[in-house]
């Protein structure tokens, strides 16, 4: 089975989530807005679920692995709904009363979030579609925490990494720098994993492409072009509509991926080139 020790890497990602979001969420959770709770709780459970999936299959606990995988089908709509809730709140905040960081990077943040939504949908759909192909399935599922990584890792860098630390308003520019460095590290990791597994699957190349797109487009939204009109338009969409959209998109992804996987071959002919 591939990625035998990946659950430790996923748990390390969970540690970065705790560290990066401690100042802005975990330490002030009792006063945080409800969209933060929805996204924070569901995303945390998702990361732990991915770690559990790796651990259970390598410990040959196939029944638990199968049950956890089926539970992910029901969790995924809430994961996407949490992301759309954060997107709606950020767009409305940018349009009405942005803070200094949101005023600088609000367009980049929202663009990065929607790329993350697209990435989650594609990766989870393909993880379910190819669930009988272990190399493909595991890579796509393990790719989902990679999409999540830039936000907490960037914040952690802003707190502890020299040259990226934020000590005052004069350092706010480092917010985007931390995100870009985090994304660059994940692109490099994904390309290494793709190179090592390319005989079995191209999944890590797909993950790398999404992270690279997020990095380039977030940088571009700050330095090269403006999507302010898009953000303002998004801010007019009522929160219930965004919640419903996120849930329906996640539910459709779960259902379509599961149905597509029913006809997925469990083995690949010898010498075939992976196309997934």
Protein backbone atom coordinates (compact mmCIF):
# COMPACT_ATOMS: atom_id res chain seq x y z
CA UNK A 1 0.00 0.00 0.00
CA UNK A 2 1.36 3.49 -0.84
CA UNK A 3 2.00 6.36 1.58
CA UNK A 4 2.37 4.12 4.62
CA UNK A 5 3.40 6.95 6.94
CA UNK A 6 1.23 9.68 5.42
CA UNK A 7 -1.02 9.87 8.47
CA UNK A 8 1.89 11.41 10.39
CA UNK A 9 2.27 14.08 7.72
CA UNK A 10 -1.46 14.79 7.84
CA UNK A 11 -1.33 15.08 11.62
CA UNK A 12 1.59 17.49 11.21
CA UNK A 13 -0.68 19.52 8.95
CA UNK A 14 -3.24 19.48 11.75
CA UNK A 15 -0.56 20.84 14.08
CA UNK A 16 0.09 23.69 11.65
CA UNK A 17 -3.65 24.41 11.62
CA UNK A 18 -3.67 24.72 15.40
CA UNK A 19 -0.58 26.92 15.37
CA UNK A 20 -1.56 29.14 12.46
CA UNK A 21 -5.14 29.75 13.53
CA UNK A 22 -4.49 30.01 17.26
CA UNK A 23 -4.38 33.83 17.42
CA UNK A 24 -7.29 34.48 15.06
CA UNK A 25 -9.63 31.57 15.87
CA UNK A 26 -8.79 28.99 18.51
CA UNK A 27 -7.84 31.47 21.26
CA UNK A 28 -10.92 33.63 20.61
CA UNK A 29 -13.35 30.90 19.53
CA UNK A 30 -16.06 32.03 21.95
CA UNK A 31 -16.36 35.38 20.17
CA UNK A 32 -15.74 34.23 16.57
CA UNK A 33 -18.54 34.62 13.98
CA UNK A 34 -20.50 31.47 13.20
CA UNK A 35 -19.08 31.02 9.65
CA UNK A 36 -15.66 30.62 11.25
CA UNK A 37 -17.03 27.85 13.49
CA UNK A 38 -18.68 26.05 10.58
CA UNK A 39 -15.54 26.13 8.47
CA UNK A 40 -13.10 25.57 11.34
CA UNK A 41 -14.87 22.56 12.84
CA UNK A 42 -15.67 20.81 9.57
CA UNK A 43 -12.23 21.42 8.06
CA UNK A 44 -10.57 20.12 11.22
CA UNK A 45 -12.70 16.97 11.19
CA UNK A 46 -11.86 16.54 7.51
CA UNK A 47 -8.11 16.59 8.12
CA UNK A 48 -8.45 14.09 10.95
CA UNK A 49 -10.63 11.92 8.71
CA UNK A 50 -7.92 11.83 6.03
CA UNK A 51 -5.35 10.80 8.63
CA UNK A 52 -7.72 8.09 9.88
CA UNK A 53 -8.23 6.78 6.35
CA UNK A 54 -4.49 6.29 5.86
CA UNK A 55 -4.00 4.71 9.28
CA UNK A 56 -6.94 2.30 9.06
CA UNK A 57 -6.04 0.89 5.66
CA UNK A 58 -2.42 0.29 6.65
CA UNK A 59 -3.52 -1.37 9.87
CA UNK A 60 -5.81 -3.58 7.77
CA UNK A 61 -8.91 -2.26 9.54
CA UNK A 62 -10.85 -2.39 6.30
CA UNK A 63 -14.29 -2.19 7.86
CA UNK A 64 -13.40 1.00 9.72
CA UNK A 65 -11.68 2.36 6.62
CA UNK A 66 -14.78 1.71 4.54
CA UNK A 67 -17.08 3.26 7.16
CA UNK A 68 -14.90 6.37 7.44
CA UNK A 69 -14.80 6.70 3.67
CA UNK A 70 -18.57 6.49 3.44
CA UNK A 71 -18.88 9.08 6.20
CA UNK A 72 -16.74 11.43 4.12
CA UNK A 73 -19.50 11.48 1.50
CA UNK A 74 -21.79 13.11 4.07
CA UNK A 75 -19.10 15.37 5.52
CA UNK A 76 -18.00 16.80 2.17
CA UNK A 77 -21.13 18.94 1.55
CA UNK A 78 -20.55 20.66 4.90
CA UNK A 79 -16.88 21.19 4.03
CA UNK A 80 -17.83 23.06 0.85
CA UNK A 81 -20.66 24.87 2.61
CA UNK A 82 -18.19 26.10 5.23
CA UNK A 83 -15.91 27.47 2.52
CA UNK A 84 -18.76 29.28 0.76
CA UNK A 85 -19.88 30.72 4.12
CA UNK A 86 -16.39 32.15 4.68
CA UNK A 87 -16.36 33.45 1.11
CA UNK A 88 -19.71 35.18 1.55
CA UNK A 89 -18.69 36.76 4.84
CA UNK A 90 -15.35 37.95 3.46
CA UNK A 91 -16.99 39.45 0.37
CA UNK A 92 -19.58 41.26 2.47
CA UNK A 93 -16.91 42.51 4.85
CA UNK A 94 -14.76 43.75 1.97
CA UNK A 95 -17.74 45.62 0.49
CA UNK A 96 -18.98 47.24 3.69
CA UNK A 97 -16.24 47.66 6.28
CA UNK A 98 -12.89 46.10 5.36
CA UNK A 99 -10.07 46.11 7.85
CA UNK A 100 -6.59 47.11 6.69
CA UNK A 101 -5.55 43.58 5.70
CA UNK A 102 -8.84 42.85 3.93
CA UNK A 103 -8.62 46.17 2.09
CA UNK A 104 -5.16 45.17 0.82
CA UNK A 105 -5.74 41.52 0.02
CA UNK A 106 -9.49 40.93 0.02
CA UNK A 107 -9.58 40.30 -3.71
CA UNK A 108 -6.71 37.82 -3.50
CA UNK A 109 -8.26 36.06 -0.51
CA UNK A 110 -11.60 35.56 -2.24
CA UNK A 111 -9.99 34.38 -5.48
CA UNK A 112 -7.80 31.94 -3.56
CA UNK A 113 -10.82 30.60 -1.69
CA UNK A 114 -12.80 29.90 -4.87
CA UNK A 115 -9.82 28.13 -6.40
CA UNK A 116 -9.71 26.03 -3.22
CA UNK A 117 -13.41 25.18 -3.63
CA UNK A 118 -12.79 24.08 -7.22
CA UNK A 119 -9.78 22.04 -6.12
CA UNK A 120 -11.69 20.26 -3.35
CA UNK A 121 -14.51 19.39 -5.73
CA UNK A 122 -12.18 17.97 -8.38
CA UNK A 123 -9.92 16.10 -5.96
CA UNK A 124 -12.70 14.52 -3.94
CA UNK A 125 -14.72 13.59 -7.01
CA UNK A 126 -11.69 11.84 -8.50
CA UNK A 127 -10.80 10.22 -5.17
CA UNK A 128 -14.26 8.65 -5.13
CA UNK A 129 -14.30 7.82 -8.84
CA UNK A 130 -10.97 5.98 -8.58
CA UNK A 131 -11.50 4.50 -5.12
CA UNK A 132 -10.65 1.04 -6.46
CA UNK A 133 -7.25 2.24 -7.72
CA UNK A 134 -5.24 2.60 -4.57
CA UNK A 135 -2.46 4.87 -5.87
CA UNK A 136 -4.89 7.24 -7.53
CA UNK A 137 -7.48 7.25 -4.75
CA UNK A 138 -4.99 7.82 -1.94
CA UNK A 139 -3.14 10.62 -3.76
CA UNK A 140 -6.30 12.57 -4.51
CA UNK A 141 -7.58 12.21 -0.94
CA UNK A 142 -4.21 13.16 0.55
CA UNK A 143 -4.17 16.15 -1.77
CA UNK A 144 -7.14 17.75 0.00
CA UNK A 145 -5.15 18.86 3.11
CA UNK A 146 -2.54 20.31 0.73
CA UNK A 147 -5.18 22.69 -0.62
CA UNK A 148 -5.99 23.70 2.95
CA UNK A 149 -2.37 24.16 4.00
CA UNK A 150 -1.54 27.64 2.69
CA UNK A 151 -3.84 29.55 5.02
CA UNK A 152 -2.66 28.21 8.41
CA UNK A 153 0.94 27.81 7.23
CA UNK A 154 1.06 31.38 5.97
CA UNK A 155 -0.26 32.64 9.31
CA UNK A 156 2.27 30.51 11.20
CA UNK A 157 5.06 31.99 9.09
CA UNK A 158 3.75 35.48 9.84
CA UNK A 159 4.10 34.67 13.50
CA UNK A 160 7.43 32.88 13.68
CA UNK A 161 9.54 32.99 10.51
CA UNK A 162 12.09 35.83 10.33
CA UNK A 163 11.50 38.00 7.30
CA UNK A 164 7.82 37.07 7.20
CA UNK A 165 6.79 38.07 10.71
CA UNK A 166 4.14 40.73 11.27
CA UNK A 167 4.98 43.09 14.10
CA UNK A 168 2.84 46.02 13.03
CA UNK A 169 0.92 47.62 10.14
CA UNK A 170 4.14 48.19 8.25
CA UNK A 171 4.48 44.40 7.89
CA UNK A 172 0.99 43.67 6.54
CA UNK A 173 2.49 43.00 3.12
CA UNK A 174 3.94 39.80 4.55
CA UNK A 175 0.44 38.30 4.80
CA UNK A 176 0.40 37.47 1.10
CA UNK A 177 4.10 36.61 1.17
CA UNK A 178 3.45 33.90 3.76
CA UNK A 179 0.67 32.41 1.65
CA UNK A 180 2.81 32.42 -1.48
CA UNK A 181 5.76 30.77 0.27
CA UNK A 182 3.43 28.10 1.69
CA UNK A 183 1.96 27.44 -1.73
CA UNK A 184 5.41 27.26 -3.32
CA UNK A 185 6.50 24.66 -0.76
CA UNK A 186 3.39 22.58 -1.45
CA UNK A 187 3.92 22.78 -5.22
CA UNK A 188 7.47 21.50 -4.74
CA UNK A 189 6.25 18.67 -2.48
CA UNK A 190 3.52 17.67 -4.92
CA UNK A 191 5.94 17.60 -7.84
CA UNK A 192 8.30 15.34 -5.90
CA UNK A 193 5.41 13.01 -5.05
CA UNK A 194 4.22 13.09 -8.66
CA UNK A 195 7.69 12.18 -9.91
CA UNK A 196 7.92 9.26 -7.51
CA UNK A 197 4.41 7.96 -8.32
CA UNK A 198 4.03 8.92 -11.98
CA UNK A 199 4.07 5.26 -13.09
CA UNK A 200 0.93 4.73 -11.06
CA UNK A 201 -0.96 8.02 -11.23
CA UNK A 202 -0.83 11.66 -12.29
CA UNK A 203 -2.92 12.73 -9.29
CA UNK A 204 -0.16 14.70 -7.57
CA UNK A 205 0.35 16.64 -10.78
CA UNK A 206 -3.31 17.71 -10.62
CA UNK A 207 -2.87 18.82 -6.99
CA UNK A 208 0.29 20.76 -7.90
CA UNK A 209 -1.55 22.49 -10.77
CA UNK A 210 -4.32 23.72 -8.45
CA UNK A 211 -1.87 25.01 -5.84
CA UNK A 212 0.25 26.72 -8.50
CA UNK A 213 -2.87 28.34 -9.99
CA UNK A 214 -3.87 29.56 -6.54
CA UNK A 215 -0.41 31.02 -5.97
CA UNK A 216 -0.17 32.79 -9.33
CA UNK A 217 -3.73 34.13 -9.37
CA UNK A 218 -3.62 35.41 -5.80
CA UNK A 219 -0.36 37.20 -6.58
CA UNK A 220 -1.85 38.57 -9.79
CA UNK A 221 -5.02 39.82 -8.09
CA UNK A 222 -2.86 41.99 -5.85
CA UNK A 223 -0.18 43.14 -8.31
CA UNK A 224 -1.55 42.91 -11.86
CA UNK A 225 -5.33 43.09 -12.08
CA UNK A 226 -8.46 43.83 -10.07
CA UNK A 227 -11.50 41.64 -9.49
CA UNK A 228 -13.16 44.19 -7.22
CA UNK A 229 -16.33 44.21 -9.34
CA UNK A 230 -16.59 40.43 -8.87
CA UNK A 231 -16.12 40.76 -5.12
CA UNK A 232 -18.76 43.48 -4.93
CA UNK A 233 -21.15 41.31 -6.92
CA UNK A 234 -20.48 38.35 -4.61
CA UNK A 235 -21.19 40.57 -1.62
CA UNK A 236 -24.78 41.09 -2.82
CA UNK A 237 -25.58 37.37 -2.72
CA UNK A 238 -27.48 36.51 0.49
CA UNK A 239 -25.71 34.19 2.91
CA UNK A 240 -28.48 31.52 2.78
CA UNK A 241 -28.06 31.33 -0.99
CA UNK A 242 -24.31 30.80 -0.64
CA UNK A 243 -24.83 28.16 2.03
CA UNK A 244 -27.31 26.31 -0.15
CA UNK A 245 -25.01 26.55 -3.15
CA UNK A 246 -22.07 25.16 -1.19
CA UNK A 247 -24.06 22.29 0.26
CA UNK A 248 -25.62 21.33 -3.09
CA UNK A 249 -22.25 21.51 -4.85
CA UNK A 250 -20.66 19.30 -2.18
CA UNK A 251 -23.55 16.83 -2.17
CA UNK A 252 -23.50 16.60 -5.97
CA UNK A 253 -19.76 15.96 -5.91
CA UNK A 254 -20.16 13.15 -3.38
CA UNK A 255 -23.00 11.50 -5.28
CA UNK A 256 -21.46 11.85 -8.75
CA UNK A 257 -18.06 10.64 -7.56
CA UNK A 258 -19.55 7.62 -5.84
CA UNK A 259 -21.65 6.72 -8.87
CA UNK A 260 -18.69 7.15 -11.24
CA UNK A 261 -16.62 4.86 -9.04
CA UNK A 262 -19.05 1.99 -9.44
CA UNK A 263 -17.80 1.48 -12.96
CA UNK A 264 -14.12 2.19 -12.25
CA UNK A 265 -11.79 -0.68 -13.05
CA UNK A 266 -9.88 -2.06 -10.12
CA UNK A 267 -6.76 -2.94 -12.08
CA UNK A 268 -4.79 -1.34 -14.89
CA UNK A 269 -3.54 -3.35 -17.86
CA UNK A 270 0.18 -3.95 -17.79
CA UNK A 271 2.13 -1.17 -19.45
CA UNK A 272 -0.79 1.25 -19.54
CA UNK A 273 0.01 4.93 -19.08
CA UNK A 274 -1.86 6.56 -16.19
CA UNK A 275 -4.32 9.26 -17.25
CA UNK A 276 -5.99 10.09 -13.96
